[in-house]
Amino acid sequence: MPTSLAQKLQIKSGKLIVLNAPKGYLEQLTQELKDLTVSTRAAGRAEAVLLFVNSLAETTRLTPHAGKLVKPGGMLWIAYAKGSSKVKTDVNRDKLWEAVAPIGWQPIRQIALDEVWSALRFKPVE
């Protein structure tokens, strides 16, 4: 039985902020996550934030703000193109981990969103 995107992201209810999504991806998320409030506005706080990144420079620039949007106990997901995809990127799991560690987040889970995108879930370092 296929796993839904909501199950993969471990989101049951509340608000999901999606930042920097590739063209067409937001529509897909909105259709699949009908029980959630999906927003692209980086305002307020949410149970989960899903940030798409295409480069390490983008990761360094966008992640600090994305992390501030996560409610206490919430989830920060950072999606990056898989190495097997045709998307050009300098981001992979290990480089993403290294880029996010200095701002106080550590990875705790990795998932495949689809055939192009993987995502790492981060939590604040305690």
N, C-alpha and C. Protein backbone atom coordinates (compact mmCIF):
# COMPACT_ATOMS: atom_id res chain seq x y z
N MET A 1 0.84 -1.18 0.00
CA MET A 1 0.00 0.00 0.00
C MET A 1 0.89 1.24 0.00
N PRO A 2 0.68 2.16 -0.93
CA PRO A 2 1.52 3.36 -0.99
C PRO A 2 1.37 4.22 0.26
N THR A 3 2.46 4.83 0.66
CA THR A 3 2.45 5.72 1.81
C THR A 3 2.14 7.13 1.32
N SER A 4 1.19 7.78 1.99
CA SER A 4 0.85 9.14 1.59
C SER A 4 1.95 10.11 1.99
N LEU A 5 1.92 11.26 1.37
CA LEU A 5 2.90 12.29 1.70
C LEU A 5 2.75 12.75 3.14
N ALA A 6 1.52 12.86 3.62
CA ALA A 6 1.28 13.25 5.01
C ALA A 6 1.89 12.23 5.97
N GLN A 7 1.76 10.94 5.64
CA GLN A 7 2.36 9.90 6.48
C GLN A 7 3.88 9.99 6.45
N LYS A 8 4.44 10.19 5.27
CA LYS A 8 5.90 10.31 5.16
C LYS A 8 6.42 11.48 5.98
N LEU A 9 5.71 12.60 5.91
CA LEU A 9 6.13 13.81 6.63
C LEU A 9 5.72 13.78 8.10
N GLN A 10 4.97 12.76 8.51
CA GLN A 10 4.52 12.59 9.89
C GLN A 10 3.68 13.77 10.37
N ILE A 11 2.85 14.29 9.48
CA ILE A 11 1.99 15.42 9.82
C ILE A 11 0.55 14.92 9.90
N LYS A 12 -0.06 15.12 11.05
CA LYS A 12 -1.44 14.66 11.24
C LYS A 12 -2.45 15.80 11.11
N SER A 13 -2.07 16.97 11.59
CA SER A 13 -2.99 18.10 11.54
C SER A 13 -2.20 19.39 11.69
N GLY A 14 -2.90 20.50 11.53
CA GLY A 14 -2.26 21.79 11.74
C GLY A 14 -1.85 22.47 10.46
N LYS A 15 -0.81 23.26 10.58
CA LYS A 15 -0.34 24.11 9.49
C LYS A 15 1.02 23.63 9.00
N LEU A 16 1.17 23.59 7.68
CA LEU A 16 2.43 23.28 7.03
C LEU A 16 2.83 24.50 6.21
N ILE A 17 4.01 25.03 6.47
CA ILE A 17 4.55 26.12 5.66
C ILE A 17 5.52 25.49 4.65
N VAL A 18 5.28 25.76 3.38
CA VAL A 18 6.13 25.24 2.31
C VAL A 18 6.88 26.42 1.69
N LEU A 19 8.20 26.33 1.71
CA LEU A 19 9.03 27.42 1.21
C LEU A 19 9.88 26.95 0.03
N ASN A 20 9.95 27.80 -0.99
CA ASN A 20 10.86 27.58 -2.12
C ASN A 20 10.52 26.32 -2.91
N ALA A 21 9.25 25.96 -2.96
CA ALA A 21 8.84 24.74 -3.67
C ALA A 21 9.05 24.89 -5.17
N PRO A 22 9.47 23.81 -5.83
CA PRO A 22 9.61 23.86 -7.28
C PRO A 22 8.25 24.06 -7.95
N LYS A 23 8.28 24.55 -9.16
CA LYS A 23 7.06 24.83 -9.91
C LYS A 23 6.17 23.58 -9.97
N GLY A 24 4.91 23.76 -9.63
CA GLY A 24 3.95 22.67 -9.68
C GLY A 24 3.88 21.81 -8.43
N TYR A 25 4.89 21.90 -7.59
CA TYR A 25 4.94 21.03 -6.41
C TYR A 25 3.93 21.44 -5.35
N LEU A 26 3.71 22.73 -5.21
CA LEU A 26 2.77 23.21 -4.20
C LEU A 26 1.36 22.70 -4.48
N GLU A 27 0.96 22.70 -5.74
CA GLU A 27 -0.35 22.20 -6.11
C GLU A 27 -0.48 20.72 -5.73
N GLN A 28 0.56 19.95 -5.98
CA GLN A 28 0.56 18.53 -5.63
C GLN A 28 0.42 18.37 -4.12
N LEU A 29 1.18 19.13 -3.36
CA LEU A 29 1.11 19.05 -1.90
C LEU A 29 -0.27 19.42 -1.39
N THR A 30 -0.84 20.48 -1.93
CA THR A 30 -2.16 20.93 -1.49
C THR A 30 -3.22 19.86 -1.74
N GLN A 31 -3.13 19.18 -2.88
CA GLN A 31 -4.09 18.12 -3.19
C GLN A 31 -3.91 16.92 -2.27
N GLU A 32 -2.67 16.56 -1.98
CA GLU A 32 -2.40 15.38 -1.16
C GLU A 32 -2.60 15.62 0.33
N LEU A 33 -2.46 16.85 0.77
CA LEU A 33 -2.54 17.17 2.19
C LEU A 33 -3.81 17.97 2.49
N LYS A 34 -4.94 17.42 2.11
CA LYS A 34 -6.22 18.13 2.23
C LYS A 34 -6.62 18.43 3.67
N ASP A 35 -6.15 17.66 4.63
CA ASP A 35 -6.53 17.87 6.03
C ASP A 35 -5.66 18.91 6.72
N LEU A 36 -4.70 19.47 6.00
CA LEU A 36 -3.79 20.46 6.58
C LEU A 36 -4.01 21.83 5.97
N THR A 37 -3.60 22.83 6.69
CA THR A 37 -3.53 24.17 6.14
C THR A 37 -2.14 24.31 5.54
N VAL A 38 -2.05 24.43 4.23
CA VAL A 38 -0.76 24.56 3.56
C VAL A 38 -0.58 26.01 3.15
N SER A 39 0.54 26.59 3.56
CA SER A 39 0.80 28.00 3.30
C SER A 39 2.19 28.18 2.71
N THR A 40 2.32 29.18 1.87
CA THR A 40 3.64 29.53 1.34
C THR A 40 4.15 30.81 1.98
N ARG A 41 3.38 31.36 2.88
CA ARG A 41 3.77 32.60 3.56
C ARG A 41 4.65 32.28 4.75
N ALA A 42 5.79 32.89 4.79
CA ALA A 42 6.73 32.69 5.89
C ALA A 42 6.35 33.63 7.03
N ALA A 43 5.13 33.44 7.52
CA ALA A 43 4.62 34.28 8.61
C ALA A 43 3.96 33.37 9.64
N GLY A 44 4.05 33.76 10.89
CA GLY A 44 3.50 32.93 11.94
C GLY A 44 4.36 31.70 12.15
N ARG A 45 3.83 30.76 12.90
CA ARG A 45 4.57 29.53 13.15
C ARG A 45 3.69 28.35 12.78
N ALA A 46 4.32 27.22 12.53
CA ALA A 46 3.58 26.05 12.06
C ALA A 46 4.09 24.78 12.74
N GLU A 47 3.24 23.76 12.69
CA GLU A 47 3.62 22.44 13.21
C GLU A 47 4.74 21.84 12.37
N ALA A 48 4.79 22.22 11.09
CA ALA A 48 5.83 21.71 10.21
C ALA A 48 6.18 22.74 9.15
N VAL A 49 7.46 22.75 8.80
CA VAL A 49 7.96 23.60 7.71
C VAL A 49 8.70 22.68 6.75
N LEU A 50 8.39 22.80 5.47
CA LEU A 50 9.07 22.04 4.42
C LEU A 50 9.76 23.04 3.51
N LEU A 51 11.08 23.05 3.58
CA LEU A 51 11.91 23.96 2.79
C LEU A 51 12.59 23.18 1.68
N PHE A 52 12.43 23.63 0.44
CA PHE A 52 13.13 23.03 -0.70
C PHE A 52 14.38 23.85 -0.97
N VAL A 53 15.51 23.17 -1.14
CA VAL A 53 16.77 23.86 -1.44
C VAL A 53 17.40 23.26 -2.70
N ASN A 54 18.07 24.14 -3.46
CA ASN A 54 18.73 23.72 -4.69
C ASN A 54 20.24 23.83 -4.63
N SER A 55 20.75 24.47 -3.58
CA SER A 55 22.20 24.65 -3.44
C SER A 55 22.55 24.80 -1.97
N LEU A 56 23.82 24.62 -1.66
CA LEU A 56 24.27 24.83 -0.28
C LEU A 56 24.15 26.29 0.11
N ALA A 57 24.41 27.19 -0.84
CA ALA A 57 24.28 28.62 -0.56
C ALA A 57 22.83 28.95 -0.18
N GLU A 58 21.90 28.39 -0.90
CA GLU A 58 20.48 28.59 -0.60
C GLU A 58 20.13 28.00 0.77
N THR A 59 20.69 26.86 1.08
CA THR A 59 20.47 26.21 2.38
C THR A 59 20.93 27.13 3.50
N THR A 60 22.12 27.66 3.38
CA THR A 60 22.69 28.54 4.40
C THR A 60 21.86 29.82 4.55
N ARG A 61 21.35 30.32 3.46
CA ARG A 61 20.57 31.56 3.48
C ARG A 61 19.16 31.37 4.03
N LEU A 62 18.49 30.28 3.68
CA LEU A 62 17.07 30.11 4.00
C LEU A 62 16.77 29.35 5.29
N THR A 63 17.65 28.45 5.68
CA THR A 63 17.36 27.58 6.83
C THR A 63 17.18 28.32 8.15
N PRO A 64 18.00 29.32 8.49
CA PRO A 64 17.79 29.98 9.78
C PRO A 64 16.37 30.54 9.94
N HIS A 65 15.85 31.17 8.90
CA HIS A 65 14.50 31.72 8.98
C HIS A 65 13.46 30.59 9.03
N ALA A 66 13.65 29.56 8.23
CA ALA A 66 12.71 28.43 8.22
C ALA A 66 12.62 27.80 9.61
N GLY A 67 13.76 27.65 10.27
CA GLY A 67 13.78 27.07 11.61
C GLY A 67 12.99 27.88 12.61
N LYS A 68 12.98 29.19 12.45
CA LYS A 68 12.25 30.07 13.38
C LYS A 68 10.73 29.96 13.19
N LEU A 69 10.30 29.41 12.08
CA LEU A 69 8.87 29.27 11.80
C LEU A 69 8.26 28.01 12.42
N VAL A 70 9.11 27.12 12.93
CA VAL A 70 8.65 25.85 13.49
C VAL A 70 8.21 26.06 14.94
N LYS A 71 6.99 25.62 15.24
CA LYS A 71 6.49 25.69 16.62
C LYS A 71 7.31 24.75 17.50
N PRO A 72 7.41 25.01 18.80
CA PRO A 72 8.10 24.08 19.70
C PRO A 72 7.50 22.68 19.55
N GLY A 73 8.37 21.70 19.41
CA GLY A 73 7.93 20.33 19.20
C GLY A 73 7.55 20.02 17.76
N GLY A 74 7.66 21.02 16.88
CA GLY A 74 7.31 20.84 15.48
C GLY A 74 8.45 20.24 14.66
N MET A 75 8.24 20.21 13.35
CA MET A 75 9.19 19.55 12.46
C MET A 75 9.72 20.49 11.39
N LEU A 76 11.01 20.43 11.17
CA LEU A 76 11.65 21.13 10.06
C LEU A 76 12.12 20.08 9.07
N TRP A 77 11.55 20.10 7.88
CA TRP A 77 11.96 19.22 6.80
C TRP A 77 12.68 20.06 5.75
N ILE A 78 13.83 19.57 5.30
CA ILE A 78 14.54 20.23 4.20
C ILE A 78 14.66 19.24 3.06
N ALA A 79 14.06 19.61 1.92
CA ALA A 79 14.05 18.75 0.74
C ALA A 79 15.15 19.17 -0.22
N TYR A 80 15.78 18.18 -0.82
CA TYR A 80 16.86 18.42 -1.78
C TYR A 80 16.74 17.38 -2.90
N ALA A 81 17.24 17.74 -4.07
CA ALA A 81 17.17 16.83 -5.22
C ALA A 81 18.08 15.63 -5.00
N LYS A 82 17.56 14.47 -5.32
CA LYS A 82 18.34 13.23 -5.21
C LYS A 82 19.48 13.27 -6.23
N GLY A 83 20.56 12.61 -5.90
CA GLY A 83 21.69 12.52 -6.82
C GLY A 83 21.31 11.84 -8.12
N SER A 84 20.33 10.94 -8.07
CA SER A 84 19.90 10.21 -9.26
C SER A 84 18.94 11.02 -10.14
N SER A 85 18.50 12.18 -9.64
CA SER A 85 17.60 13.01 -10.44
C SER A 85 18.40 13.81 -11.46
N LYS A 86 17.70 14.47 -12.35
CA LYS A 86 18.39 15.28 -13.37
C LYS A 86 18.54 16.73 -12.93
N VAL A 87 18.19 17.01 -11.68
CA VAL A 87 18.30 18.37 -11.15
C VAL A 87 19.75 18.60 -10.72
N LYS A 88 20.34 19.68 -11.20
CA LYS A 88 21.72 19.99 -10.82
C LYS A 88 21.73 20.63 -9.44
N THR A 89 22.56 20.08 -8.56
CA THR A 89 22.64 20.58 -7.19
C THR A 89 23.98 20.20 -6.57
N ASP A 90 24.40 20.97 -5.59
CA ASP A 90 25.60 20.62 -4.83
C ASP A 90 25.21 20.12 -3.43
N VAL A 91 23.92 19.82 -3.25
CA VAL A 91 23.41 19.37 -1.96
C VAL A 91 23.24 17.85 -1.97
N ASN A 92 23.68 17.22 -0.90
CA ASN A 92 23.36 15.82 -0.64
C ASN A 92 23.12 15.69 0.86
N ARG A 93 22.78 14.51 1.32
CA ARG A 93 22.44 14.31 2.72
C ARG A 93 23.54 14.79 3.65
N ASP A 94 24.77 14.38 3.41
CA ASP A 94 25.87 14.72 4.31
C ASP A 94 26.18 16.22 4.29
N LYS A 95 26.18 16.82 3.11
CA LYS A 95 26.46 18.26 3.02
C LYS A 95 25.34 19.07 3.66
N LEU A 96 24.11 18.60 3.52
CA LEU A 96 22.98 19.28 4.14
C LEU A 96 23.11 19.24 5.66
N TRP A 97 23.45 18.10 6.18
CA TRP A 97 23.65 17.93 7.62
C TRP A 97 24.71 18.92 8.11
N GLU A 98 25.84 18.98 7.41
CA GLU A 98 26.94 19.88 7.80
C GLU A 98 26.52 21.35 7.72
N ALA A 99 25.71 21.70 6.73
CA ALA A 99 25.30 23.09 6.55
C ALA A 99 24.32 23.55 7.62
N VAL A 100 23.51 22.64 8.13
CA VAL A 100 22.47 23.00 9.09
C VAL A 100 22.96 22.90 10.53
N ALA A 101 23.95 22.08 10.80
CA ALA A 101 24.45 21.89 12.17
C ALA A 101 24.86 23.19 12.87
N PRO A 102 25.54 24.12 12.21
CA PRO A 102 25.97 25.34 12.91
C PRO A 102 24.83 26.22 13.43
N ILE A 103 23.63 26.05 12.90
CA ILE A 103 22.52 26.86 13.40
C ILE A 103 21.69 26.11 14.45
N GLY A 104 22.19 24.96 14.90
CA GLY A 104 21.57 24.28 16.03
C GLY A 104 20.51 23.24 15.72
N TRP A 105 20.55 22.64 14.54
CA TRP A 105 19.59 21.60 14.18
C TRP A 105 20.35 20.33 13.83
N GLN A 106 19.76 19.18 14.17
CA GLN A 106 20.37 17.89 13.82
C GLN A 106 19.35 17.01 13.10
N PRO A 107 19.82 16.22 12.12
CA PRO A 107 18.90 15.37 11.37
C PRO A 107 18.47 14.16 12.20
N ILE A 108 17.21 13.76 12.02
CA ILE A 108 16.72 12.59 12.73
C ILE A 108 16.02 11.59 11.82
N ARG A 109 15.70 11.98 10.59
CA ARG A 109 15.01 11.06 9.70
C ARG A 109 15.19 11.51 8.26
N GLN A 110 15.27 10.52 7.35
CA GLN A 110 15.34 10.82 5.92
C GLN A 110 14.22 10.07 5.21
N ILE A 111 13.59 10.75 4.25
CA ILE A 111 12.54 10.12 3.45
C ILE A 111 12.71 10.49 1.98
N ALA A 112 12.06 9.71 1.13
CA ALA A 112 11.95 10.06 -0.29
C ALA A 112 10.57 10.68 -0.47
N LEU A 113 10.52 11.92 -0.92
CA LEU A 113 9.23 12.56 -1.21
C LEU A 113 8.65 11.99 -2.49
N ASP A 114 9.51 11.80 -3.48
CA ASP A 114 9.12 11.25 -4.78
C ASP A 114 10.38 10.81 -5.50
N GLU A 115 10.30 10.63 -6.81
CA GLU A 115 11.47 10.16 -7.56
C GLU A 115 12.56 11.22 -7.71
N VAL A 116 12.24 12.48 -7.46
CA VAL A 116 13.22 13.57 -7.60
C VAL A 116 13.73 14.07 -6.25
N TRP A 117 12.86 14.17 -5.26
CA TRP A 117 13.19 14.84 -4.00
C TRP A 117 13.29 13.90 -2.81
N SER A 118 14.34 14.08 -2.04
CA SER A 118 14.50 13.47 -0.72
C SER A 118 14.35 14.58 0.30
N ALA A 119 14.10 14.23 1.54
CA ALA A 119 14.00 15.24 2.59
C ALA A 119 14.58 14.71 3.88
N LEU A 120 15.23 15.59 4.61
CA LEU A 120 15.73 15.28 5.95
C LEU A 120 14.88 16.03 6.96
N ARG A 121 14.50 15.33 8.02
CA ARG A 121 13.80 15.97 9.13
C ARG A 121 14.83 16.35 10.17
N PHE A 122 14.74 17.57 10.67
CA PHE A 122 15.67 18.08 11.67
C PHE A 122 14.93 18.42 12.95
N LYS A 123 15.66 18.33 14.06
CA LYS A 123 15.15 18.81 15.35
C LYS A 123 16.23 19.66 15.99
N PRO A 124 15.82 20.57 16.87
CA PRO A 124 16.83 21.40 17.53
C PRO A 124 17.77 20.55 18.38
N VAL A 125 19.03 20.92 18.41
CA VAL A 125 20.00 20.24 19.27
C VAL A 125 19.69 20.64 20.71
N GLU A 126 19.62 19.66 21.58
CA GLU A 126 19.31 19.96 22.99
C GLU A 126 20.56 20.10 23.81
